[in-house]
Protein backbone atom coordinates (compact mmCIF):
# COMPACT_ATOMS: atom_id res chain seq x y z
CA UNK A 1 111.29 142.09 112.39
CA UNK A 2 114.12 140.86 110.15
CA UNK A 3 113.67 141.27 106.36
CA UNK A 4 113.99 137.51 105.86
CA UNK A 5 111.22 136.73 108.36
CA UNK A 6 107.77 135.81 107.09
CA UNK A 7 104.73 137.79 108.21
CA UNK A 8 102.49 135.09 109.67
CA UNK A 9 98.75 134.92 109.05
CA UNK A 10 99.05 137.53 106.33
CA UNK A 11 98.02 137.49 102.69
CA UNK A 12 98.66 140.26 100.19
CA UNK A 13 97.90 140.26 96.48
CA UNK A 14 98.51 142.21 93.30
CA UNK A 15 96.52 142.03 90.04
CA UNK A 16 98.30 141.97 86.69
CA UNK A 17 97.32 141.76 83.05
CA UNK A 18 98.90 139.13 80.80
CA UNK A 19 97.87 139.48 77.18
CA UNK A 20 98.53 140.37 73.60
CA UNK A 21 97.28 142.66 70.89
CA UNK A 22 97.73 142.12 67.17
CA UNK A 23 96.84 143.67 63.82
CA UNK A 24 97.45 142.89 60.14
CA UNK A 25 100.69 144.19 58.66
CA UNK A 26 100.47 147.30 56.55
CA UNK A 27 101.89 147.31 53.02
CA UNK A 28 105.04 149.07 54.27
CA UNK A 29 105.45 146.62 57.16
CA UNK A 30 105.07 143.62 54.84
CA UNK A 31 108.02 144.82 52.79
CA UNK A 32 110.27 144.62 55.88
CA UNK A 33 108.86 141.43 57.42
CA UNK A 34 109.49 137.80 56.35
CA UNK A 35 107.42 136.91 53.30
CA UNK A 36 105.03 134.57 55.14
CA UNK A 37 104.29 136.94 58.05
CA UNK A 38 100.82 138.49 58.13
CA UNK A 39 100.52 140.26 61.50
CA UNK A 40 102.41 142.39 63.98
CA UNK A 41 101.79 141.49 67.59
CA UNK A 42 102.75 142.41 71.15
CA UNK A 43 102.81 140.14 74.20
CA UNK A 44 102.90 141.95 77.54
CA UNK A 45 102.65 141.88 81.33
CA UNK A 46 101.21 145.07 82.83
CA UNK A 47 99.79 146.44 86.02
CA UNK A 48 96.09 147.23 86.29
CA UNK A 49 95.18 150.90 85.92
CA UNK A 50 98.76 151.83 85.10
CA UNK A 51 100.37 150.45 88.27
CA UNK A 52 104.18 150.38 88.06
CA UNK A 53 104.83 146.68 88.67
CA UNK A 54 108.60 147.16 88.30
CA UNK A 55 108.65 148.02 92.01
CA UNK A 56 108.13 144.35 92.80
CA UNK A 57 108.75 142.55 89.47
CA UNK A 58 112.45 142.12 88.66
CA UNK A 59 112.10 140.67 85.17
CA UNK A 60 109.73 138.84 82.85
CA UNK A 61 110.81 136.02 80.53
CA UNK A 62 108.73 135.26 77.44
CA UNK A 63 109.24 131.88 75.71
CA UNK A 64 108.14 132.23 72.08
CA UNK A 65 107.75 129.53 69.46
CA UNK A 66 111.03 127.82 68.60
CA UNK A 67 110.86 129.09 65.00
CA UNK A 68 111.73 132.60 66.21
CA UNK A 69 115.32 133.74 66.52
CA UNK A 70 116.24 133.86 70.20
CA UNK A 71 112.85 132.48 71.30
CA UNK A 72 113.53 133.13 75.00
CA UNK A 73 113.24 136.88 75.56
CA UNK A 74 114.20 138.38 78.93
CA UNK A 75 112.83 141.84 79.74
CA UNK A 76 114.34 143.44 82.84
CA UNK A 77 112.65 146.85 82.83
CA UNK A 78 109.24 148.23 81.85
CA UNK A 79 107.48 147.99 79.57
CA UNK A 80 107.56 144.22 80.06
CA UNK A 81 106.67 143.33 76.48
CA UNK A 82 107.89 141.74 73.26
CA UNK A 83 106.87 143.03 69.83
CA UNK A 84 107.17 140.68 66.86
CA UNK A 85 105.60 139.73 63.53
CA UNK A 86 104.29 136.33 62.50
CA UNK A 87 101.55 134.32 60.83
CA UNK A 88 100.44 131.70 63.37
CA UNK A 89 98.92 131.50 66.84
CA UNK A 90 100.68 129.58 69.62
CA UNK A 91 101.08 129.35 73.39
CA UNK A 92 103.63 131.66 75.00
CA UNK A 93 105.13 130.80 78.37
CA UNK A 94 105.44 133.83 80.63
CA UNK A 95 107.66 133.65 83.74
CA UNK A 96 107.57 136.49 86.26
CA UNK A 97 110.56 136.92 88.58
CA UNK A 98 110.50 138.98 91.77
CA UNK A 99 113.19 140.98 93.53
CA UNK A 100 115.83 138.73 95.17
CA UNK A 101 115.05 140.30 98.56
CA UNK A 102 111.47 139.01 98.29
CA UNK A 103 112.62 135.35 98.42
CA UNK A 104 109.60 134.44 96.27
CA UNK A 105 109.69 131.78 93.55
CA UNK A 106 109.07 132.79 89.95
CA UNK A 107 105.52 132.30 88.69
CA UNK A 108 104.63 130.80 85.31
CA UNK A 109 101.64 131.68 83.16
CA UNK A 110 100.65 130.61 79.66
CA UNK A 111 99.01 132.90 77.15
CA UNK A 112 97.61 131.81 73.78
CA UNK A 113 98.67 134.36 71.19
CA UNK A 114 95.61 135.60 69.32
CA UNK A 115 96.02 137.11 65.84
CA UNK A 116 92.58 136.80 64.28
CA UNK A 117 89.23 138.32 65.31
CA UNK A 118 86.90 135.86 67.02
CA UNK A 119 83.78 135.69 69.14
CA UNK A 120 80.73 138.00 69.24
CA UNK A 121 82.84 141.11 68.43
CA UNK A 122 84.42 139.56 65.33
CA UNK A 123 82.80 141.95 62.83
CA UNK A 124 83.50 144.95 65.06
CA UNK A 125 87.18 143.97 65.23
CA UNK A 126 87.37 143.60 61.45
CA UNK A 127 85.76 147.01 60.97
CA UNK A 128 88.30 148.61 63.30
CA UNK A 129 91.21 147.50 61.14
CA UNK A 130 91.50 143.99 62.49
CA UNK A 131 92.96 144.98 65.87
CA UNK A 132 92.69 141.98 68.19
CA UNK A 133 93.08 142.17 71.97
CA UNK A 134 93.28 139.10 74.21
CA UNK A 135 93.92 139.87 77.87
CA UNK A 136 93.95 137.67 80.98
CA UNK A 137 93.42 139.15 84.43
CA UNK A 138 95.63 137.34 86.93
CA UNK A 139 95.86 137.73 90.69
CA UNK A 140 99.27 137.13 92.27
CA UNK A 141 98.80 136.14 95.90
CA UNK A 142 101.63 136.22 98.45
CA UNK A 143 100.79 133.99 101.41
CA UNK A 144 102.75 134.88 104.54
CA UNK A 145 105.20 137.02 102.55
CA UNK A 146 108.62 137.94 103.80
CA UNK A 147 108.90 141.26 105.61
CA UNK A 148 110.54 142.89 102.57
CA UNK A 149 107.63 141.99 100.27
CA UNK A 150 105.03 142.96 102.85
CA UNK A 151 106.52 146.42 103.40
CA UNK A 152 107.08 147.00 99.68
CA UNK A 153 103.51 146.21 98.68
CA UNK A 154 101.98 147.89 101.71
CA UNK A 155 103.84 151.12 100.92
CA UNK A 156 102.65 150.99 97.31
CA UNK A 157 98.90 150.34 97.44
CA UNK A 158 96.93 150.14 94.21
CA UNK A 159 93.61 151.45 93.00
CA UNK A 160 91.23 153.95 94.55
CA UNK A 161 88.81 151.49 96.12
CA UNK A 162 86.15 151.98 93.43
CA UNK A 163 86.65 148.65 91.66
CA UNK A 164 86.87 148.09 87.92
CA UNK A 165 85.94 150.81 85.47
CA UNK A 166 82.71 150.23 83.58
CA UNK A 167 84.21 150.76 80.12
CA UNK A 168 87.65 150.17 78.65
CA UNK A 169 89.90 153.08 77.78
CA UNK A 170 93.23 153.08 75.89
CA UNK A 171 95.24 153.60 79.08
CA UNK A 172 93.02 151.31 81.20
CA UNK A 173 92.09 148.29 79.10
CA UNK A 174 90.77 146.06 81.88
CA UNK A 175 87.21 146.90 82.84
CA UNK A 176 83.78 145.42 83.45
CA UNK A 177 83.25 145.76 79.69
CA UNK A 178 86.36 143.68 78.88
CA UNK A 179 85.36 141.14 81.52
CA UNK A 180 81.95 140.79 79.87
CA UNK A 181 83.54 140.57 76.42
CA UNK A 182 85.72 137.66 77.58
CA UNK A 183 82.67 135.92 79.05
CA UNK A 184 80.80 136.42 75.75
CA UNK A 185 83.74 134.91 73.84
CA UNK A 186 83.67 131.85 76.09
CA UNK A 187 79.91 131.47 75.62
CA UNK A 188 80.35 131.80 71.85
CA UNK A 189 83.11 129.16 71.82
CA UNK A 190 81.01 126.78 73.94
CA UNK A 191 78.07 127.11 71.54
CA UNK A 192 80.34 126.44 68.55
CA UNK A 193 81.69 123.30 70.25
CA UNK A 194 78.14 122.11 70.97
CA UNK A 195 77.19 122.63 67.30
CA UNK A 196 80.23 120.66 66.18
CA UNK A 197 79.46 117.80 68.59
CA UNK A 198 75.86 117.67 67.39
CA UNK A 199 77.01 117.61 63.76
CA UNK A 200 79.32 114.66 64.44
CA UNK A 201 76.57 112.83 66.35
CA UNK A 202 74.27 113.16 63.34
CA UNK A 203 77.01 111.92 61.03
CA UNK A 204 77.64 108.90 63.24
CA UNK A 205 73.91 108.11 63.42
CA UNK A 206 73.65 108.41 59.66
CA UNK A 207 76.56 106.04 59.11
CA UNK A 208 75.13 103.56 61.62
CA UNK A 209 71.78 103.72 59.83
CA UNK A 210 73.42 103.07 56.48
CA UNK A 211 75.34 100.11 57.92
CA UNK A 212 72.24 98.53 59.48
CA UNK A 213 70.26 98.88 56.24
CA UNK A 214 72.97 97.28 54.10
CA UNK A 215 71.95 93.67 53.26
CA UNK A 216 74.30 90.90 54.35
CA UNK A 217 75.42 88.72 51.45
C-alpha cells in the first residue's frame, strides 16, 4: 500500500495532556520579573504516562496573550512547553502539527491558564506552596489515517493495558485521582453558580416587592 493511501475502515487514537502548572514567585524571582507579575507558570502538551509524542507530533504552537513579547511561541522539539511569568489568567490557543508525511491537518485546542487555587482542594493547594495544576485529557482520533500514520502509531503502541493509575505521581500526573479532582472542581463551580443565581433571584424579588409597595402619587 502506498504511503499516501488511506487505511479504510480504520480508526486509531492517541491520548495527550494539555495543561498548565503555576506557583507564586519567590522573592528572588520577583526581583527579576516585571513589577506587576505574581506567578511563574508553564503551559504544556505531553503524552500520557511519559509517551514520546515527538514521534508523531512535529511542532506545537502556543498563542499567548498579546501583552507578551512574541506571543506566538513555536516549539519544534520536546518538551513541548512554554515557561513564563505573569499576573492574570487567560485562554491560550494550542495548535498541534503532525509530520508532513501524515497528511493530517493541525488540531486546535484552548486551555484556560490557571494561576490561583480553586475548587475543593483550594486549602490543600495553598498549604503546598500555592502550586496549581490544571490539566485536560484529550483524545486525538485519526479516522482512516494515511498508511504512514497507521504504521507509525501501530509500531509505537502506548500503555500496558491496565488503564489509568489510581493515584497521581510526579512523572504520571494523569490518573483516576486527577480525573476525580477535575469532576469535583466542576461540581464545586456548578454549586457556586447556583448560589449566585439564587442570590440574584432574591435581590430581584426584593426590588419587585419594594416597587409594588411604593404608593403611586
